[in-house]
Every structure is written in C-alpha cells, then in structure tokens.
C-alpha cells in the first residue's frame, strides 16, 4: 500500500511540474483560484461565527 501511495504522489508531482512548465499562465490561474477559494471559505466561516456570537 505504501508503494502505491508513493507512486501516486510521484505522478501527481510530475503532472504538476509538467503543467507548470508547459502552461505557466494556466498554472498560475489555478493557484490563484485555489487560494481565492480558501480565502473565501475563511471569510465565510469568520462571518458565521461573528453572526453567531452577535446574536
């Protein structure tokens, strides 16, 4: 099972490097989108707890 996990992780990293080298603008957009989604989630959770604490 550990071997399968290592192979899959290696394939994912290889694909990411290949994508970064062959399509750098698309890779940058993908990273920006991912960070935007994470940021949006954090803002929504914060607003939820502020509203919950406020009444």
PDB file of N, CA and C in Angstrom:
ATOM      1  N   UNK A   1       0.821  -1.197   0.000  1.00  0.00           N
ATOM      2  CA  UNK A   1       0.000   0.000   0.000  1.00  0.00           C
ATOM      3  C   UNK A   1       0.863   1.257   0.000  1.00  0.00           C
ATOM      4  N   UNK A   2       1.978   1.227   0.726  1.00  0.00           N
ATOM      5  CA  UNK A   2       2.869   2.380   0.755  1.00  0.00           C
ATOM      6  C   UNK A   2       3.459   2.645  -0.622  1.00  0.00           C
ATOM      7  N   UNK A   3       3.747   1.585  -1.371  1.00  0.00           N
ATOM      8  CA  UNK A   3       4.310   1.752  -2.703  1.00  0.00           C
ATOM      9  C   UNK A   3       3.306   2.436  -3.630  1.00  0.00           C
ATOM     10  N   UNK A   4       2.050   2.036  -3.553  1.00  0.00           N
ATOM     11  CA  UNK A   4       1.009   2.643  -4.381  1.00  0.00           C
ATOM     12  C   UNK A   4       0.869   4.127  -4.044  1.00  0.00           C
ATOM     13  N   UNK A   5       0.894   4.435  -2.760  1.00  0.00           N
ATOM     14  CA  UNK A   5       0.782   5.831  -2.327  1.00  0.00           C
ATOM     15  C   UNK A   5       1.959   6.653  -2.843  1.00  0.00           C
ATOM     16  N   UNK A   6       3.166   6.114  -2.757  1.00  0.00           N
ATOM     17  CA  UNK A   6       4.349   6.822  -3.261  1.00  0.00           C
ATOM     18  C   UNK A   6       4.273   7.030  -4.768  1.00  0.00           C
ATOM     19  N   UNK A   7       3.835   6.037  -5.479  1.00  0.00           N
ATOM     20  CA  UNK A   7       3.729   6.159  -6.936  1.00  0.00           C
ATOM     21  C   UNK A   7       2.702   7.220  -7.297  1.00  0.00           C
ATOM     22  N   UNK A   8       1.547   7.208  -6.628  1.00  0.00           N
ATOM     23  CA  UNK A   8       0.510   8.209  -6.914  1.00  0.00           C
ATOM     24  C   UNK A   8       0.985   9.625  -6.587  1.00  0.00           C
ATOM     25  N   UNK A   9       1.660   9.791  -5.476  1.00  0.00           N
ATOM     26  CA  UNK A   9       2.184  11.104  -5.118  1.00  0.00           C
ATOM     27  C   UNK A   9       3.222  11.549  -6.147  1.00  0.00           C
ATOM     28  N   UNK A  10       4.069  10.636  -6.567  1.00  0.00           N
ATOM     29  CA  UNK A  10       5.064  10.950  -7.594  1.00  0.00           C
ATOM     30  C   UNK A  10       4.417  11.358  -8.907  1.00  0.00           C
ATOM     31  N   UNK A  11       3.350  10.670  -9.298  1.00  0.00           N
ATOM     32  CA  UNK A  11       2.643  11.019 -10.532  1.00  0.00           C
ATOM     33  C   UNK A  11       1.985  12.388 -10.431  1.00  0.00           C
ATOM     34  N   UNK A  12       1.405  12.692  -9.282  1.00  0.00           N
ATOM     35  CA  UNK A  12       0.775  13.995  -9.093  1.00  0.00           C
ATOM     36  C   UNK A  12       1.825  15.104  -9.163  1.00  0.00           C
ATOM     37  N   UNK A  13       2.959  14.904  -8.524  1.00  0.00           N
ATOM     38  CA  UNK A  13       4.024  15.908  -8.561  1.00  0.00           C
ATOM     39  C   UNK A  13       4.572  16.054  -9.974  1.00  0.00           C
ATOM     40  N   UNK A  14       4.762  14.948 -10.669  1.00  0.00           N
ATOM     41  CA  UNK A  14       5.254  15.015 -12.043  1.00  0.00           C
ATOM     42  C   UNK A  14       4.277  15.763 -12.947  1.00  0.00           C
ATOM     43  N   UNK A  15       2.990  15.502 -12.771  1.00  0.00           N
ATOM     44  CA  UNK A  15       1.984  16.208 -13.569  1.00  0.00           C
ATOM     45  C   UNK A  15       1.995  17.692 -13.251  1.00  0.00           C
ATOM     46  N   UNK A  16       2.115  18.046 -11.974  1.00  0.00           N
ATOM     47  CA  UNK A  16       2.134  19.457 -11.579  1.00  0.00           C
ATOM     48  C   UNK A  16       3.336  20.171 -12.189  1.00  0.00           C
ATOM     49  N   UNK A  17       4.492  19.547 -12.158  1.00  0.00           N
ATOM     50  CA  UNK A  17       5.691  20.152 -12.749  1.00  0.00           C
ATOM     51  C   UNK A  17       5.523  20.279 -14.262  1.00  0.00           C
ATOM     52  N   UNK A  18       5.012  19.237 -14.905  1.00  0.00           N
ATOM     53  CA  UNK A  18       4.781  19.287 -16.352  1.00  0.00           C
ATOM     54  C   UNK A  18       3.812  20.409 -16.708  1.00  0.00           C
ATOM     55  N   UNK A  19       2.728  20.530 -15.948  1.00  0.00           N
ATOM     56  CA  UNK A  19       1.723  21.568 -16.189  1.00  0.00           C
ATOM     57  C   UNK A  19       2.327  22.946 -15.976  1.00  0.00           C
ATOM     58  N   UNK A  20       3.146  23.092 -14.949  1.00  0.00           N
ATOM     59  CA  UNK A  20       3.783  24.366 -14.652  1.00  0.00           C
ATOM     60  C   UNK A  20       4.736  24.773 -15.769  1.00  0.00           C
ATOM     61  N   UNK A  21       5.468  23.831 -16.324  1.00  0.00           N
ATOM     62  CA  UNK A  21       6.443  24.134 -17.370  1.00  0.00           C
ATOM     63  C   UNK A  21       5.762  24.399 -18.707  1.00  0.00           C
ATOM     64  N   UNK A  22       4.728  23.629 -19.030  1.00  0.00           N
ATOM     65  CA  UNK A  22       4.109  23.757 -20.346  1.00  0.00           C
ATOM     66  C   UNK A  22       3.034  24.839 -20.407  1.00  0.00           C
ATOM     67  N   UNK A  23       2.386  25.131 -19.286  1.00  0.00           N
ATOM     68  CA  UNK A  23       1.312  26.133 -19.269  1.00  0.00           C
ATOM     69  C   UNK A  23       1.410  26.987 -18.007  1.00  0.00           C
ATOM     70  N   UNK A  24       2.423  27.834 -17.921  1.00  0.00           N
ATOM     71  CA  UNK A  24       2.639  28.584 -16.677  1.00  0.00           C
ATOM     72  C   UNK A  24       1.499  29.556 -16.328  1.00  0.00           C
ATOM     73  N   UNK A  25       0.900  30.194 -17.326  1.00  0.00           N
ATOM     74  CA  UNK A  25      -0.200  31.114 -17.031  1.00  0.00           C
ATOM     75  C   UNK A  25      -1.415  30.374 -16.485  1.00  0.00           C
ATOM     76  N   UNK A  26      -1.742  29.233 -17.080  1.00  0.00           N
ATOM     77  CA  UNK A  26      -2.867  28.440 -16.583  1.00  0.00           C
ATOM     78  C   UNK A  26      -2.592  27.907 -15.179  1.00  0.00           C
ATOM     79  N   UNK A  27      -1.344  27.519 -14.927  1.00  0.00           N
ATOM     80  CA  UNK A  27      -0.979  27.034 -13.596  1.00  0.00           C
ATOM     81  C   UNK A  27      -1.121  28.157 -12.563  1.00  0.00           C
ATOM     82  N   UNK A  28      -0.698  29.360 -12.929  1.00  0.00           N
ATOM     83  CA  UNK A  28      -0.825  30.496 -12.016  1.00  0.00           C
ATOM     84  C   UNK A  28      -2.294  30.802 -11.743  1.00  0.00           C
ATOM     85  N   UNK A  29      -3.120  30.734 -12.774  1.00  0.00           N
ATOM     86  CA  UNK A  29      -4.559  30.966 -12.585  1.00  0.00           C
ATOM     87  C   UNK A  29      -5.171  29.909 -11.681  1.00  0.00           C
ATOM     88  N   UNK A  30      -4.736  28.673 -11.819  1.00  0.00           N
ATOM     89  CA  UNK A  30      -5.253  27.601 -10.973  1.00  0.00           C
ATOM     90  C   UNK A  30      -4.874  27.829  -9.512  1.00  0.00           C
ATOM     91  N   UNK A  31      -3.642  28.250  -9.274  1.00  0.00           N
ATOM     92  CA  UNK A  31      -3.199  28.515  -7.902  1.00  0.00           C
ATOM     93  C   UNK A  31      -3.957  29.707  -7.326  1.00  0.00           C
ATOM     94  N   UNK A  32      -4.131  30.758  -8.126  1.00  0.00           N
ATOM     95  CA  UNK A  32      -4.891  31.913  -7.655  1.00  0.00           C
ATOM     96  C   UNK A  32      -6.327  31.522  -7.324  1.00  0.00           C
ATOM     97  N   UNK A  33      -6.931  30.675  -8.152  1.00  0.00           N
ATOM     98  CA  UNK A  33      -8.293  30.222  -7.889  1.00  0.00           C
ATOM     99  C   UNK A  33      -8.382  29.409  -6.609  1.00  0.00           C
ATOM    100  N   UNK A  34      -7.406  28.558  -6.382  1.00  0.00           N
ATOM    101  CA  UNK A  34      -7.401  27.737  -5.167  1.00  0.00           C
ATOM    102  C   UNK A  34      -7.260  28.613  -3.921  1.00  0.00           C
ATOM    103  N   UNK A  35      -6.331  29.568  -3.964  1.00  0.00           N
ATOM    104  CA  UNK A  35      -6.164  30.454  -2.812  1.00  0.00           C
ATOM    105  C   UNK A  35      -7.383  31.342  -2.629  1.00  0.00           C
ATOM    106  N   UNK A  36      -8.000  31.749  -3.718  1.00  0.00           N
ATOM    107  CA  UNK A  36      -9.225  32.540  -3.623  1.00  0.00           C
ATOM    108  C   UNK A  36     -10.342  31.757  -2.957  1.00  0.00           C
ATOM    109  N   UNK A  37     -10.455  30.487  -3.289  1.00  0.00           N
ATOM    110  CA  UNK A  37     -11.479  29.648  -2.675  1.00  0.00           C
ATOM    111  C   UNK A  37     -11.212  29.461  -1.186  1.00  0.00           C
ATOM    112  N   UNK A  38      -9.960  29.248  -0.836  1.00  0.00           N
ATOM    113  CA  UNK A  38      -9.605  29.086   0.578  1.00  0.00           C
ATOM    114  C   UNK A  38      -9.886  30.380   1.341  1.00  0.00           C
ATOM    115  N   UNK A  39      -9.508  31.520   0.746  1.00  0.00           N
ATOM    116  CA  UNK A  39      -9.744  32.805   1.390  1.00  0.00           C
ATOM    117  C   UNK A  39     -11.245  33.050   1.571  1.00  0.00           C
ATOM    118  N   UNK A  40     -12.023  32.768   0.535  1.00  0.00           N
ATOM    119  CA  UNK A  40     -13.470  32.946   0.615  1.00  0.00           C
ATOM    120  C   UNK A  40     -14.109  32.082   1.680  1.00  0.00           C
ATOM    121  N   UNK A  41     -13.614  30.872   1.819  1.00  0.00           N
ATOM    122  CA  UNK A  41     -14.119  29.979   2.854  1.00  0.00           C
ATOM    123  C   UNK A  41     -13.800  30.526   4.245  1.00  0.00           C
ATOM    124  N   UNK A  42     -12.592  31.022   4.416  1.00  0.00           N
ATOM    125  CA  UNK A  42     -12.205  31.602   5.704  1.00  0.00           C
ATOM    126  C   UNK A  42     -13.063  32.803   6.062  1.00  0.00           C
ATOM    127  N   UNK A  43     -13.332  33.651   5.078  1.00  0.00           N
ATOM    128  CA  UNK A  43     -14.173  34.821   5.309  1.00  0.00           C
ATOM    129  C   UNK A  43     -15.588  34.389   5.699  1.00  0.00           C
ATOM    130  N   UNK A  44     -16.124  33.405   4.998  1.00  0.00           N
ATOM    131  CA  UNK A  44     -17.481  32.942   5.294  1.00  0.00           C
ATOM    132  C   UNK A  44     -17.578  32.335   6.696  1.00  0.00           C
ATOM    133  N   UNK A  45     -16.583  31.549   7.074  1.00  0.00           N
ATOM    134  CA  UNK A  45     -16.588  30.940   8.411  1.00  0.00           C
ATOM    135  C   UNK A  45     -16.476  32.028   9.480  1.00  0.00           C
ATOM    136  N   UNK A  46     -15.617  33.012   9.234  1.00  0.00           N
ATOM    137  CA  UNK A  46     -15.477  34.123  10.182  1.00  0.00           C
ATOM    138  C   UNK A  46     -16.782  34.885  10.329  1.00  0.00           C
ATOM    139  N   UNK A  47     -17.432  35.185   9.223  1.00  0.00           N
ATOM    140  CA  UNK A  47     -18.717  35.888   9.277  1.00  0.00           C
ATOM    141  C   UNK A  47     -19.765  35.069  10.028  1.00  0.00           C
ATOM    142  N   UNK A  48     -19.751  33.762   9.837  1.00  0.00           N
ATOM    143  CA  UNK A  48     -20.686  32.891  10.538  1.00  0.00           C
ATOM    144  C   UNK A  48     -20.496  32.994  12.049  1.00  0.00           C
ATOM    145  N   UNK A  49     -19.239  32.895  12.504  1.00  0.00           N
ATOM    146  CA  UNK A  49     -19.007  32.934  13.940  1.00  0.00           C
ATOM    147  C   UNK A  49     -19.266  34.314  14.515  1.00  0.00           C
ATOM    148  N   UNK A  50     -18.992  35.363  13.756  1.00  0.00           N
ATOM    149  CA  UNK A  50     -19.298  36.718  14.222  1.00  0.00           C
ATOM    150  C   UNK A  50     -20.814  36.868  14.379  1.00  0.00           C
ATOM    151  N   UNK A  51     -21.561  36.394  13.407  1.00  0.00           N
ATOM    152  CA  UNK A  51     -23.037  36.471  13.496  1.00  0.00           C
ATOM    153  C   UNK A  51     -23.546  35.603  14.631  1.00  0.00           C
ATOM    154  N   UNK A  52     -22.942  34.452  14.833  1.00  0.00           N
ATOM    155  CA  UNK A  52     -23.369  33.562  15.914  1.00  0.00           C
ATOM    156  C   UNK A  52     -23.098  34.206  17.279  1.00  0.00           C
ATOM    157  N   UNK A  53     -21.970  34.844  17.442  1.00  0.00           N
ATOM    158  CA  UNK A  53     -21.624  35.482  18.709  1.00  0.00           C
ATOM    159  C   UNK A  53     -22.428  36.758  18.941  1.00  0.00           C
ATOM    160  N   UNK A  54     -22.836  37.407  17.842  1.00  0.00           N
ATOM    161  CA  UNK A  54     -23.553  38.645  17.965  1.00  0.00           C
ATOM    162  C   UNK A  54     -25.026  38.471  18.273  1.00  0.00           C
ATOM    163  N   UNK A  55     -25.517  37.297  18.109  1.00  0.00           N
ATOM    164  CA  UNK A  55     -26.917  37.092  18.466  1.00  0.00           C
ATOM    165  C   UNK A  55     -27.656  36.510  17.352  1.00  0.00           C
TER     166      UNK A  55
END
